[in-house]
């Protein structure tokens, strides 16, 4: 599995080796030692086209994302360094180009379903709601380059409060 660290420190994109023959193909999707993390829960989210999920961030939890079907634009914002250390980026993930995206704590993340998307993801902490925080997907302080203007949002993502750096510092420590 080849890996590359992206422009946000600690965010890693892994490219599994795909082994093809006349029967089809096989690949390893996840190896814990590649990300130096122990995953405790696996989740599968299906999103209709035009759905945007996020932006969410965690104090303790890391995620590893794999798009099993469809195409998604991922938005990321590094909140760990406050406004002075802010780094924002977007990248496209597609089942046609298998990759695993590793997201460390403190990096806000979300995705927009360019098509119907099946996202399989692993987390390093079992969900209980106490480590789940949010920032508006279109917060002007972040200016994530989504390339979308009117996505379908959950009630939770519609009602999240604007980015407050004092709150982020309180959460992330």
C-alpha atoms as a PDB file:
ATOM      1  CA  UNK A   1       0.000   0.000   0.000  1.00  0.00           C
ATOM      2  CA  UNK A   2       1.513   3.320  -1.096  1.00  0.00           C
ATOM      3  CA  UNK A   3       0.860   6.318   1.138  1.00  0.00           C
ATOM      4  CA  UNK A   4       1.260  10.061   0.836  1.00  0.00           C
ATOM      5  CA  UNK A   5       0.761  12.757   3.434  1.00  0.00           C
ATOM      6  CA  UNK A   6      -1.418  15.541   2.102  1.00  0.00           C
ATOM      7  CA  UNK A   7      -0.974  19.290   2.696  1.00  0.00           C
ATOM      8  CA  UNK A   8      -2.682  18.998   6.091  1.00  0.00           C
ATOM      9  CA  UNK A   9      -0.238  17.300   8.506  1.00  0.00           C
ATOM     10  CA  UNK A  10      -1.380  13.850   9.577  1.00  0.00           C
ATOM     11  CA  UNK A  11      -3.919  13.466   6.759  1.00  0.00           C
ATOM     12  CA  UNK A  12      -2.805  10.454   4.746  1.00  0.00           C
ATOM     13  CA  UNK A  13      -4.009   9.119   1.411  1.00  0.00           C
ATOM     14  CA  UNK A  14      -3.272   5.412   0.948  1.00  0.00           C
ATOM     15  CA  UNK A  15      -3.446   3.649  -2.403  1.00  0.00           C
ATOM     16  CA  UNK A  16      -4.007  -0.097  -2.008  1.00  0.00           C
ATOM     17  CA  UNK A  17      -2.419  -2.456  -4.498  1.00  0.00           C
ATOM     18  CA  UNK A  18      -5.136  -3.942  -6.720  1.00  0.00           C
ATOM     19  CA  UNK A  19      -4.462  -7.510  -7.860  1.00  0.00           C
ATOM     20  CA  UNK A  20      -6.444  -8.350 -11.002  1.00  0.00           C
ATOM     21  CA  UNK A  21      -6.863 -11.514 -12.997  1.00  0.00           C
ATOM     22  CA  UNK A  22      -9.533 -13.096 -15.189  1.00  0.00           C
ATOM     23  CA  UNK A  23     -11.748 -13.719 -12.114  1.00  0.00           C
ATOM     24  CA  UNK A  24     -11.850 -10.048 -11.052  1.00  0.00           C
ATOM     25  CA  UNK A  25      -9.691  -8.256  -8.498  1.00  0.00           C
ATOM     26  CA  UNK A  26      -8.614  -8.240  -4.858  1.00  0.00           C
ATOM     27  CA  UNK A  27      -7.112  -5.563  -2.632  1.00  0.00           C
ATOM     28  CA  UNK A  28      -6.396  -4.933   1.037  1.00  0.00           C
ATOM     29  CA  UNK A  29      -8.424  -1.884   2.029  1.00  0.00           C
ATOM     30  CA  UNK A  30      -7.078  -1.299   5.528  1.00  0.00           C
ATOM     31  CA  UNK A  31      -4.005  -2.130   7.575  1.00  0.00           C
ATOM     32  CA  UNK A  32      -3.857  -0.573  11.011  1.00  0.00           C
ATOM     33  CA  UNK A  33      -0.068  -0.216  10.991  1.00  0.00           C
ATOM     34  CA  UNK A  34      -0.231   1.977   7.866  1.00  0.00           C
ATOM     35  CA  UNK A  35      -2.026   4.639   9.906  1.00  0.00           C
ATOM     36  CA  UNK A  36      -0.597   3.774  13.347  1.00  0.00           C
ATOM     37  CA  UNK A  37      -4.144   3.555  14.720  1.00  0.00           C
ATOM     38  CA  UNK A  38      -6.391   0.915  16.266  1.00  0.00           C
ATOM     39  CA  UNK A  39      -9.855   0.941  14.748  1.00  0.00           C
ATOM     40  CA  UNK A  40     -12.754  -0.213  16.936  1.00  0.00           C
ATOM     41  CA  UNK A  41     -15.846   0.355  14.791  1.00  0.00           C
ATOM     42  CA  UNK A  42     -16.697   0.159  11.100  1.00  0.00           C
ATOM     43  CA  UNK A  43     -19.574   2.087   9.510  1.00  0.00           C
ATOM     44  CA  UNK A  44     -21.244   2.198   6.102  1.00  0.00           C
ATOM     45  CA  UNK A  45     -22.998   5.361   4.913  1.00  0.00           C
ATOM     46  CA  UNK A  46     -24.988   5.572   1.693  1.00  0.00           C
ATOM     47  CA  UNK A  47     -25.666   9.093   0.467  1.00  0.00           C
ATOM     48  CA  UNK A  48     -27.926  10.152  -2.368  1.00  0.00           C
ATOM     49  CA  UNK A  49     -26.503  12.388  -5.065  1.00  0.00           C
ATOM     50  CA  UNK A  50     -26.145  16.041  -3.872  1.00  0.00           C
ATOM     51  CA  UNK A  51     -26.089  15.127  -0.149  1.00  0.00           C
ATOM     52  CA  UNK A  52     -23.396  16.886   1.869  1.00  0.00           C
ATOM     53  CA  UNK A  53     -22.384  15.454   5.249  1.00  0.00           C
ATOM     54  CA  UNK A  54     -20.322  17.621   7.582  1.00  0.00           C
ATOM     55  CA  UNK A  55     -18.246  19.359   8.518  1.00  0.00           C
ATOM     56  CA  UNK A  56     -17.570  17.268  11.650  1.00  0.00           C
ATOM     57  CA  UNK A  57     -14.504  17.014  13.852  1.00  0.00           C
ATOM     58  CA  UNK A  58     -13.367  15.057  16.892  1.00  0.00           C
ATOM     59  CA  UNK A  59     -11.148  15.612  19.912  1.00  0.00           C
ATOM     60  CA  UNK A  60     -10.031  11.975  20.135  1.00  0.00           C
ATOM     61  CA  UNK A  61     -11.338   9.964  17.197  1.00  0.00           C
ATOM     62  CA  UNK A  62      -9.501   9.278  13.957  1.00  0.00           C
ATOM     63  CA  UNK A  63     -11.313   8.080  10.813  1.00  0.00           C
ATOM     64  CA  UNK A  64     -10.268   6.085   7.754  1.00  0.00           C
ATOM     65  CA  UNK A  65     -12.583   6.526   4.730  1.00  0.00           C
ATOM     66  CA  UNK A  66     -13.023   4.302   1.694  1.00  0.00           C
ATOM     67  CA  UNK A  67     -15.446   5.092  -1.137  1.00  0.00           C
ATOM     68  CA  UNK A  68     -16.832   1.694  -2.149  1.00  0.00           C
ATOM     69  CA  UNK A  69     -19.198   3.046  -4.822  1.00  0.00           C
ATOM     70  CA  UNK A  70     -19.652   6.411  -6.502  1.00  0.00           C
ATOM     71  CA  UNK A  71     -17.774   9.703  -6.321  1.00  0.00           C
ATOM     72  CA  UNK A  72     -17.423  12.197  -3.492  1.00  0.00           C
ATOM     73  CA  UNK A  73     -15.720  15.541  -2.966  1.00  0.00           C
ATOM     74  CA  UNK A  74     -14.132  15.646   0.479  1.00  0.00           C
ATOM     75  CA  UNK A  75     -13.646  18.934   2.316  1.00  0.00           C
ATOM     76  CA  UNK A  76     -11.043  19.215   5.079  1.00  0.00           C
ATOM     77  CA  UNK A  77     -10.081  21.998   7.489  1.00  0.00           C
ATOM     78  CA  UNK A  78      -7.262  21.691  10.014  1.00  0.00           C
ATOM     79  CA  UNK A  79      -8.605  23.321  13.179  1.00  0.00           C
ATOM     80  CA  UNK A  80      -5.726  22.243  15.453  1.00  0.00           C
ATOM     81  CA  UNK A  81      -3.620  25.382  15.063  1.00  0.00           C
ATOM     82  CA  UNK A  82      -6.409  27.938  15.371  1.00  0.00           C
ATOM     83  CA  UNK A  83      -6.958  30.594  12.710  1.00  0.00           C
ATOM     84  CA  UNK A  84      -3.194  31.183  12.412  1.00  0.00           C
ATOM     85  CA  UNK A  85      -2.537  27.555  11.417  1.00  0.00           C
ATOM     86  CA  UNK A  86      -5.683  27.016   9.365  1.00  0.00           C
ATOM     87  CA  UNK A  87      -5.263  24.812   6.321  1.00  0.00           C
ATOM     88  CA  UNK A  88      -8.227  24.001   4.105  1.00  0.00           C
ATOM     89  CA  UNK A  89      -8.390  21.655   1.135  1.00  0.00           C
ATOM     90  CA  UNK A  90     -10.685  19.499  -0.943  1.00  0.00           C
ATOM     91  CA  UNK A  91     -10.049  16.320  -2.872  1.00  0.00           C
ATOM     92  CA  UNK A  92     -12.128  13.950  -4.933  1.00  0.00           C
ATOM     93  CA  UNK A  93     -12.482  10.290  -3.998  1.00  0.00           C
ATOM     94  CA  UNK A  94     -13.890   7.710  -6.384  1.00  0.00           C
ATOM     95  CA  UNK A  95     -14.531   3.995  -6.281  1.00  0.00           C
ATOM     96  CA  UNK A  96     -12.897   3.887  -9.733  1.00  0.00           C
ATOM     97  CA  UNK A  97      -9.573   4.922  -8.121  1.00  0.00           C
ATOM     98  CA  UNK A  98      -9.459   3.034  -4.794  1.00  0.00           C
ATOM     99  CA  UNK A  99      -7.943   5.008  -1.933  1.00  0.00           C
ATOM    100  CA  UNK A 100      -8.230   5.187   1.844  1.00  0.00           C
ATOM    101  CA  UNK A 101      -8.198   8.627   3.465  1.00  0.00           C
ATOM    102  CA  UNK A 102      -6.957   8.861   7.062  1.00  0.00           C
ATOM    103  CA  UNK A 103      -8.263  11.788   9.142  1.00  0.00           C
ATOM    104  CA  UNK A 104      -6.665  12.573  12.520  1.00  0.00           C
ATOM    105  CA  UNK A 105      -8.459  14.287  15.427  1.00  0.00           C
ATOM    106  CA  UNK A 106      -8.907  18.041  15.029  1.00  0.00           C
ATOM    107  CA  UNK A 107      -9.342  17.960  11.262  1.00  0.00           C
ATOM    108  CA  UNK A 108     -12.906  18.925  10.296  1.00  0.00           C
ATOM    109  CA  UNK A 109     -14.170  16.707   7.502  1.00  0.00           C
ATOM    110  CA  UNK A 110     -17.188  16.218   5.318  1.00  0.00           C
ATOM    111  CA  UNK A 111     -18.129  15.041   1.876  1.00  0.00           C
ATOM    112  CA  UNK A 112     -20.455  15.960  -0.946  1.00  0.00           C
ATOM    113  CA  UNK A 113     -21.930  13.086  -2.946  1.00  0.00           C
ATOM    114  CA  UNK A 114     -21.281  13.922  -6.606  1.00  0.00           C
ATOM    115  CA  UNK A 115     -23.150  10.684  -7.377  1.00  0.00           C
ATOM    116  CA  UNK A 116     -24.834   8.213  -5.062  1.00  0.00           C
ATOM    117  CA  UNK A 117     -22.010   7.225  -2.711  1.00  0.00           C
ATOM    118  CA  UNK A 118     -21.290   4.276  -0.469  1.00  0.00           C
ATOM    119  CA  UNK A 119     -18.678   5.289   2.101  1.00  0.00           C
ATOM    120  CA  UNK A 120     -17.179   2.650   4.376  1.00  0.00           C
ATOM    121  CA  UNK A 121     -15.277   4.121   7.281  1.00  0.00           C
ATOM    122  CA  UNK A 122     -13.440   2.920  10.339  1.00  0.00           C
ATOM    123  CA  UNK A 123     -13.073   4.880  13.575  1.00  0.00           C
ATOM    124  CA  UNK A 124     -10.743   4.644  16.556  1.00  0.00           C
ATOM    125  CA  UNK A 125     -13.479   5.293  19.104  1.00  0.00           C
ATOM    126  CA  UNK A 126     -16.926   3.717  19.498  1.00  0.00           C
ATOM    127  CA  UNK A 127     -19.658   6.270  18.858  1.00  0.00           C
ATOM    128  CA  UNK A 128     -21.386   7.718  21.911  1.00  0.00           C
ATOM    129  CA  UNK A 129     -21.937  11.316  20.753  1.00  0.00           C
ATOM    130  CA  UNK A 130     -19.531  12.947  23.210  1.00  0.00           C
ATOM    131  CA  UNK A 131     -16.704  13.347  20.680  1.00  0.00           C
ATOM    132  CA  UNK A 132     -18.749  14.735  17.787  1.00  0.00           C
ATOM    133  CA  UNK A 133     -18.511  18.457  16.968  1.00  0.00           C
ATOM    134  CA  UNK A 134     -19.522  20.467  13.929  1.00  0.00           C
ATOM    135  CA  UNK A 135     -18.825  23.500  11.801  1.00  0.00           C
ATOM    136  CA  UNK A 136     -21.064  24.761   8.959  1.00  0.00           C
ATOM    137  CA  UNK A 137     -20.148  23.218   5.628  1.00  0.00           C
ATOM    138  CA  UNK A 138     -20.083  26.708   4.063  1.00  0.00           C
ATOM    139  CA  UNK A 139     -18.459  28.656   6.898  1.00  0.00           C
ATOM    140  CA  UNK A 140     -16.828  31.715   5.270  1.00  0.00           C
ATOM    141  CA  UNK A 141     -13.815  31.517   7.607  1.00  0.00           C
ATOM    142  CA  UNK A 142     -12.981  28.122   6.103  1.00  0.00           C
ATOM    143  CA  UNK A 143     -14.106  28.653   2.502  1.00  0.00           C
ATOM    144  CA  UNK A 144     -13.907  24.955   1.629  1.00  0.00           C
ATOM    145  CA  UNK A 145     -13.835  24.679  -2.199  1.00  0.00           C
ATOM    146  CA  UNK A 146     -16.873  22.420  -2.486  1.00  0.00           C
ATOM    147  CA  UNK A 147     -17.963  23.421  -6.028  1.00  0.00           C
ATOM    148  CA  UNK A 148     -21.600  23.158  -4.872  1.00  0.00           C
ATOM    149  CA  UNK A 149     -24.083  25.784  -3.738  1.00  0.00           C
ATOM    150  CA  UNK A 150     -27.277  24.116  -2.512  1.00  0.00           C
ATOM    151  CA  UNK A 151     -26.601  20.613  -1.150  1.00  0.00           C
ATOM    152  CA  UNK A 152     -29.019  18.358   0.715  1.00  0.00           C
ATOM    153  CA  UNK A 153     -28.198  18.604   4.443  1.00  0.00           C
ATOM    154  CA  UNK A 154     -29.345  16.832   7.595  1.00  0.00           C
ATOM    155  CA  UNK A 155     -31.137  18.878  10.241  1.00  0.00           C
ATOM    156  CA  UNK A 156     -28.046  18.575  12.446  1.00  0.00           C
ATOM    157  CA  UNK A 157     -25.745  19.932   9.718  1.00  0.00           C
ATOM    158  CA  UNK A 158     -28.212  22.747   8.894  1.00  0.00           C
ATOM    159  CA  UNK A 159     -28.398  23.885  12.509  1.00  0.00           C
ATOM    160  CA  UNK A 160     -24.714  23.759  13.518  1.00  0.00           C
ATOM    161  CA  UNK A 161     -23.446  27.070  14.900  1.00  0.00           C
ATOM    162  CA  UNK A 162     -20.874  29.195  12.994  1.00  0.00           C
ATOM    163  CA  UNK A 163     -17.199  28.554  13.591  1.00  0.00           C
ATOM    164  CA  UNK A 164     -16.113  29.892  16.990  1.00  0.00           C
ATOM    165  CA  UNK A 165     -12.357  29.610  17.506  1.00  0.00           C
ATOM    166  CA  UNK A 166     -12.711  29.901  21.308  1.00  0.00           C
ATOM    167  CA  UNK A 167     -15.020  26.876  21.254  1.00  0.00           C
ATOM    168  CA  UNK A 168     -12.644  24.958  18.976  1.00  0.00           C
ATOM    169  CA  UNK A 169      -9.732  25.659  21.372  1.00  0.00           C
ATOM    170  CA  UNK A 170     -11.906  24.526  24.298  1.00  0.00           C
ATOM    171  CA  UNK A 171     -12.783  21.270  22.510  1.00  0.00           C
ATOM    172  CA  UNK A 172      -9.346  20.455  21.136  1.00  0.00           C
ATOM    173  CA  UNK A 173      -7.365  21.685  24.125  1.00  0.00           C
END
